[in-house]
C-alpha atoms as a PDB file:
ATOM      1  CA  MET A   1       0.132   0.168  -0.052  1.00  0.00           C
ATOM      2  CA  ARG A   2       1.336   3.706  -0.842  1.00  0.00           C
ATOM      3  CA  VAL A   3       0.386   6.108   1.686  1.00  0.00           C
ATOM      4  CA  ASN A   4       0.773   9.667   1.537  1.00  0.00           C
ATOM      5  CA  ALA A   5       1.763  10.773   5.235  1.00  0.00           C
ATOM      6  CA  ARG A   6       2.383  14.119   7.001  1.00  0.00           C
ATOM      7  CA  ASN A   7       5.259  14.502   9.665  1.00  0.00           C
ATOM      8  CA  LEU A   8       3.480  15.992  12.326  1.00  0.00           C
ATOM      9  CA  GLU A   9       6.513  17.481  13.894  1.00  0.00           C
ATOM     10  CA  ASN A  10       7.841  19.587  10.792  1.00  0.00           C
ATOM     11  CA  GLY A  11       4.912  19.278   8.395  1.00  0.00           C
ATOM     12  CA  ALA A  12       7.001  17.492   5.711  1.00  0.00           C
ATOM     13  CA  SER A  13       5.037  15.237   3.168  1.00  0.00           C
ATOM     14  CA  LEU A  14       6.082  12.092   2.177  1.00  0.00           C
ATOM     15  CA  GLU A  15       5.096   8.982   0.311  1.00  0.00           C
ATOM     16  CA  LEU A  16       5.511   5.844   2.187  1.00  0.00           C
ATOM     17  CA  THR A  17       4.788   2.004   1.096  1.00  0.00           C
ATOM     18  CA  PHE A  18       3.696  -0.390   3.559  1.00  0.00           C
ATOM     19  CA  SER A  19       2.737  -4.142   3.616  1.00  0.00           C
ATOM     20  CA  SER A  20      -1.226  -4.496   3.713  1.00  0.00           C
ATOM     21  CA  ASN A  21      -1.101  -6.693   6.894  1.00  0.00           C
ATOM     22  CA  LEU A  22       0.483  -3.879   8.974  1.00  0.00           C
ATOM     23  CA  SER A  23      -1.681  -1.822  11.275  1.00  0.00           C
ATOM     24  CA  PHE A  24      -0.786   1.651  13.146  1.00  0.00           C
ATOM     25  CA  GLU A  25      -1.837   3.263  16.322  1.00  0.00           C
ATOM     26  CA  GLU A  26      -4.252   6.185  16.037  1.00  0.00           C
ATOM     27  CA  LEU A  27      -3.058   9.456  17.173  1.00  0.00           C
ATOM     28  CA  ASP A  28      -4.969  11.464  19.571  1.00  0.00           C
ATOM     29  CA  LEU A  29      -5.173  14.759  17.910  1.00  0.00           C
ATOM     30  CA  LYS A  30      -7.220  17.518  19.646  1.00  0.00           C
ATOM     31  CA  LYS A  31      -8.474  21.126  18.857  1.00  0.00           C
ATOM     32  CA  ARG A  32      -8.800  23.840  21.508  1.00  0.00           C
ATOM     33  CA  LYS A  33     -10.037  27.286  21.043  1.00  0.00           C
ATOM     34  CA  LEU A  34      -7.591  29.725  22.640  1.00  0.00           C
ATOM     35  CA  GLN A  35      -7.507  33.609  22.956  1.00  0.00           C
ATOM     36  CA  TYR A  36      -4.068  35.192  21.672  1.00  0.00           C
ATOM     37  CA  LEU A  37      -2.458  37.340  24.472  1.00  0.00           C
ATOM     38  CA  TYR A  38       1.111  38.420  23.500  1.00  0.00           C
ATOM     39  CA  LYS A  39       4.160  37.246  21.747  1.00  0.00           C
ATOM     40  CA  ASP A  40       8.006  37.805  22.978  1.00  0.00           C
ATOM     41  CA  ALA A  41      11.200  36.964  20.741  1.00  0.00           C
ATOM     42  CA  VAL A  42      10.524  33.187  21.064  1.00  0.00           C
ATOM     43  CA  ASN A  43       6.981  32.224  22.133  1.00  0.00           C
ATOM     44  CA  ALA A  44       3.208  33.463  21.629  1.00  0.00           C
ATOM     45  CA  THR A  45       1.153  32.982  24.703  1.00  0.00           C
ATOM     46  CA  PHE A  46      -2.249  32.136  24.595  1.00  0.00           C
ATOM     47  CA  MET A  47      -4.926  31.709  27.066  1.00  0.00           C
ATOM     48  CA  ASP A  48      -7.944  29.017  27.392  1.00  0.00           C
ATOM     49  CA  PRO A  49     -10.905  31.209  27.974  1.00  0.00           C
ATOM     50  CA  ARG A  50     -12.628  28.488  30.195  1.00  0.00           C
ATOM     51  CA  SER A  51      -9.840  27.732  32.367  1.00  0.00           C
ATOM     52  CA  TYR A  52      -7.550  30.859  32.045  1.00  0.00           C
ATOM     53  CA  GLU A  53      -4.562  28.437  31.716  1.00  0.00           C
ATOM     54  CA  GLN A  54      -1.808  30.048  29.651  1.00  0.00           C
ATOM     55  CA  THR A  55      -0.039  27.879  26.816  1.00  0.00           C
ATOM     56  CA  GLU A  56       3.230  29.218  25.254  1.00  0.00           C
ATOM     57  CA  ILE A  57       3.405  28.070  21.696  1.00  0.00           C
ATOM     58  CA  PRO A  58       6.765  28.631  19.824  1.00  0.00           C
ATOM     59  CA  LEU A  59       6.799  31.158  16.995  1.00  0.00           C
ATOM     60  CA  SER A  60       8.432  28.449  14.687  1.00  0.00           C
ATOM     61  CA  VAL A  61       5.111  26.527  14.992  1.00  0.00           C
ATOM     62  CA  LEU A  62       3.073  29.351  13.777  1.00  0.00           C
ATOM     63  CA  ASP A  63       5.167  29.882  10.782  1.00  0.00           C
ATOM     64  CA  GLY A  64       4.485  33.527  10.150  1.00  0.00           C
ATOM     65  CA  GLU A  65       0.685  33.141  10.804  1.00  0.00           C
ATOM     66  CA  ILE A  66       1.080  35.181  14.078  1.00  0.00           C
ATOM     67  CA  LEU A  67       1.085  38.377  11.818  1.00  0.00           C
ATOM     68  CA  TYR A  68      -2.739  37.797  11.213  1.00  0.00           C
ATOM     69  CA  ILE A  69      -3.857  37.162  14.859  1.00  0.00           C
ATOM     70  CA  LYS A  70      -4.853  40.154  17.014  1.00  0.00           C
ATOM     71  CA  GLU A  71      -4.759  40.722  20.574  1.00  0.00           C
ATOM     72  CA  GLY A  72      -7.693  39.175  22.257  1.00  0.00           C
ATOM     73  CA  GLU A  73      -8.543  36.950  19.226  1.00  0.00           C
ATOM     74  CA  GLU A  74      -9.871  33.516  19.539  1.00  0.00           C
ATOM     75  CA  ILE A  75      -8.295  30.752  17.292  1.00  0.00           C
ATOM     76  CA  ASN A  76      -8.276  26.903  16.970  1.00  0.00           C
ATOM     77  CA  VAL A  77      -4.936  25.291  17.883  1.00  0.00           C
ATOM     78  CA  LEU A  78      -4.400  21.661  17.088  1.00  0.00           C
ATOM     79  CA  PHE A  79      -2.654  19.810  19.748  1.00  0.00           C
ATOM     80  CA  TRP A  80      -0.740  16.405  19.703  1.00  0.00           C
ATOM     81  CA  GLU A  81      -0.639  15.331  23.338  1.00  0.00           C
ATOM     82  CA  GLU A  82       0.278  18.645  24.974  1.00  0.00           C
ATOM     83  CA  ARG A  83       2.225  19.827  21.810  1.00  0.00           C
ATOM     84  CA  ALA A  84       1.016  22.521  19.733  1.00  0.00           C
ATOM     85  CA  LEU A  85       1.211  21.476  15.980  1.00  0.00           C
ATOM     86  CA  SER A  86      -0.617  24.279  13.818  1.00  0.00           C
ATOM     87  CA  VAL A  87      -3.218  27.000  14.354  1.00  0.00           C
ATOM     88  CA  GLU A  88      -6.053  27.580  11.955  1.00  0.00           C
ATOM     89  CA  ILE A  89      -6.513  31.223  10.891  1.00  0.00           C
ATOM     90  CA  PRO A  90      -9.381  32.716   8.646  1.00  0.00           C
ATOM     91  CA  PRO A  91      -8.307  32.925   4.873  1.00  0.00           C
ATOM     92  CA  LYS A  92      -9.435  36.933   5.281  1.00  0.00           C
ATOM     93  CA  VAL A  93      -8.526  39.339   8.019  1.00  0.00           C
ATOM     94  CA  VAL A  94      -9.225  43.010   8.495  1.00  0.00           C
ATOM     95  CA  LEU A  95      -6.302  45.058   9.323  1.00  0.00           C
ATOM     96  CA  ALA A  96      -5.862  48.875   9.816  1.00  0.00           C
ATOM     97  CA  ILE A  97      -3.244  50.774   7.985  1.00  0.00           C
ATOM     98  CA  SER A  98      -0.686  52.224  10.317  1.00  0.00           C
ATOM     99  CA  GLN A  99       1.806  53.870   7.899  1.00  0.00           C
ATOM    100  CA  THR A 100       1.556  54.888   4.015  1.00  0.00           C
ATOM    101  CA  ASP A 101       1.796  57.769   1.835  1.00  0.00           C
ATOM    102  CA  PRO A 102      -1.199  60.233   1.680  1.00  0.00           C
ATOM    103  CA  GLY A 103      -4.096  58.860  -0.483  1.00  0.00           C
ATOM    104  CA  VAL A 104      -4.776  60.519  -3.956  1.00  0.00           C
ATOM    105  CA  LYS A 105      -8.277  61.400  -4.651  1.00  0.00           C
ATOM    106  CA  GLY A 106      -9.947  60.120  -7.922  1.00  0.00           C
ATOM    107  CA  ASN A 107      -7.246  57.233  -8.373  1.00  0.00           C
ATOM    108  CA  SER A 108      -9.770  54.664  -7.246  1.00  0.00           C
ATOM    109  CA  ALA A 109      -9.936  52.667 -10.529  1.00  0.00           C
ATOM    110  CA  THR A 110      -6.200  52.266 -11.516  1.00  0.00           C
ATOM    111  CA  ASN A 111      -4.031  49.322 -10.617  1.00  0.00           C
ATOM    112  CA  ILE A 112      -1.246  51.371  -9.224  1.00  0.00           C
ATOM    113  CA  TYR A 113      -0.232  50.327  -5.728  1.00  0.00           C
ATOM    114  CA  LYS A 114       1.997  52.051  -2.982  1.00  0.00           C
ATOM    115  CA  PRO A 115       3.720  50.212  -0.095  1.00  0.00           C
ATOM    116  CA  ALA A 116       2.033  50.456   3.168  1.00  0.00           C
ATOM    117  CA  VAL A 117       2.384  49.055   6.831  1.00  0.00           C
ATOM    118  CA  ALA A 118      -0.749  47.293   8.656  1.00  0.00           C
ATOM    119  CA  GLU A 119      -1.409  47.760  12.303  1.00  0.00           C
ATOM    120  CA  ASN A 120       0.398  43.966  12.725  1.00  0.00           C
ATOM    121  CA  GLY A 121       3.531  45.280  10.949  1.00  0.00           C
ATOM    122  CA  LEU A 122       2.965  43.333   7.887  1.00  0.00           C
ATOM    123  CA  SER A 123       4.344  45.150   4.830  1.00  0.00           C
ATOM    124  CA  LEU A 124       2.125  45.191   1.691  1.00  0.00           C
ATOM    125  CA  LYS A 125       0.998  46.798  -1.415  1.00  0.00           C
ATOM    126  CA  VAL A 126      -2.230  49.084  -1.317  1.00  0.00           C
ATOM    127  CA  PRO A 127      -4.173  50.806  -3.929  1.00  0.00           C
ATOM    128  CA  LEU A 128      -3.510  54.778  -3.989  1.00  0.00           C
ATOM    129  CA  PHE A 129      -6.940  55.779  -2.281  1.00  0.00           C
ATOM    130  CA  VAL A 130      -5.861  53.879   0.791  1.00  0.00           C
ATOM    131  CA  ASN A 131      -5.179  56.301   3.817  1.00  0.00           C
ATOM    132  CA  ILE A 132      -3.512  55.737   7.349  1.00  0.00           C
ATOM    133  CA  GLY A 133      -6.400  54.534   9.717  1.00  0.00           C
ATOM    134  CA  ASP A 134      -8.459  52.973   6.764  1.00  0.00           C
ATOM    135  CA  LYS A 135      -9.397  49.230   7.360  1.00  0.00           C
ATOM    136  CA  ILE A 136      -8.619  46.811   4.454  1.00  0.00           C
ATOM    137  CA  VAL A 137      -9.016  42.980   3.824  1.00  0.00           C
ATOM    138  CA  VAL A 138      -5.714  41.055   3.554  1.00  0.00           C
ATOM    139  CA  ASP A 139      -5.604  37.544   2.265  1.00  0.00           C
ATOM    140  CA  THR A 140      -3.633  35.382   4.806  1.00  0.00           C
ATOM    141  CA  ARG A 141      -2.499  32.918   2.345  1.00  0.00           C
ATOM    142  CA  SER A 142      -0.600  35.668   0.363  1.00  0.00           C
ATOM    143  CA  GLY A 143      -0.409  38.534   2.252  1.00  0.00           C
ATOM    144  CA  ASP A 144      -2.203  40.460  -0.379  1.00  0.00           C
ATOM    145  CA  TYR A 145      -4.369  43.464  -0.461  1.00  0.00           C
ATOM    146  CA  VAL A 146      -7.832  42.274  -1.328  1.00  0.00           C
ATOM    147  CA  GLU A 147     -10.419  45.067  -0.765  1.00  0.00           C
ATOM    148  CA  ARG A 148     -11.433  48.059   1.533  1.00  0.00           C
ATOM    149  CA  ALA A 149     -13.068  46.686   4.501  1.00  0.00           C
ATOM    150  CA  LYS A 150     -16.875  47.745   4.933  1.00  0.00           C
END
């Protein structure tokens, strides 16, 4: 039997071949909804909203997805035993622009973009009409501007 398997520790995908008479132990994976509190240089700290227990997750596990999680926001975290494997973030998030050049009136229909920095520190390109303080929708898979938030 050929099996596509994913290494739970590093996320690598492998194709393995096994004899059909082998059996495997089922893993006990659990999802828990945790509230994001803060991050330091090495870990991000989350809290269980029911028990108020705090959990530290290494930033290496979050793999850049921490940029799209706001303080106080609740997200699902996948655990294997007591080890965090991954987080589920929505495909799109709303972020405020904290730094960009002034907007130009009347340039809402062009495809010209300017650099900007969102409230979470993410650098991205936005249309010319976007100003500081505007809320925009960002695609979390690519980090690109999608539209102005309503």
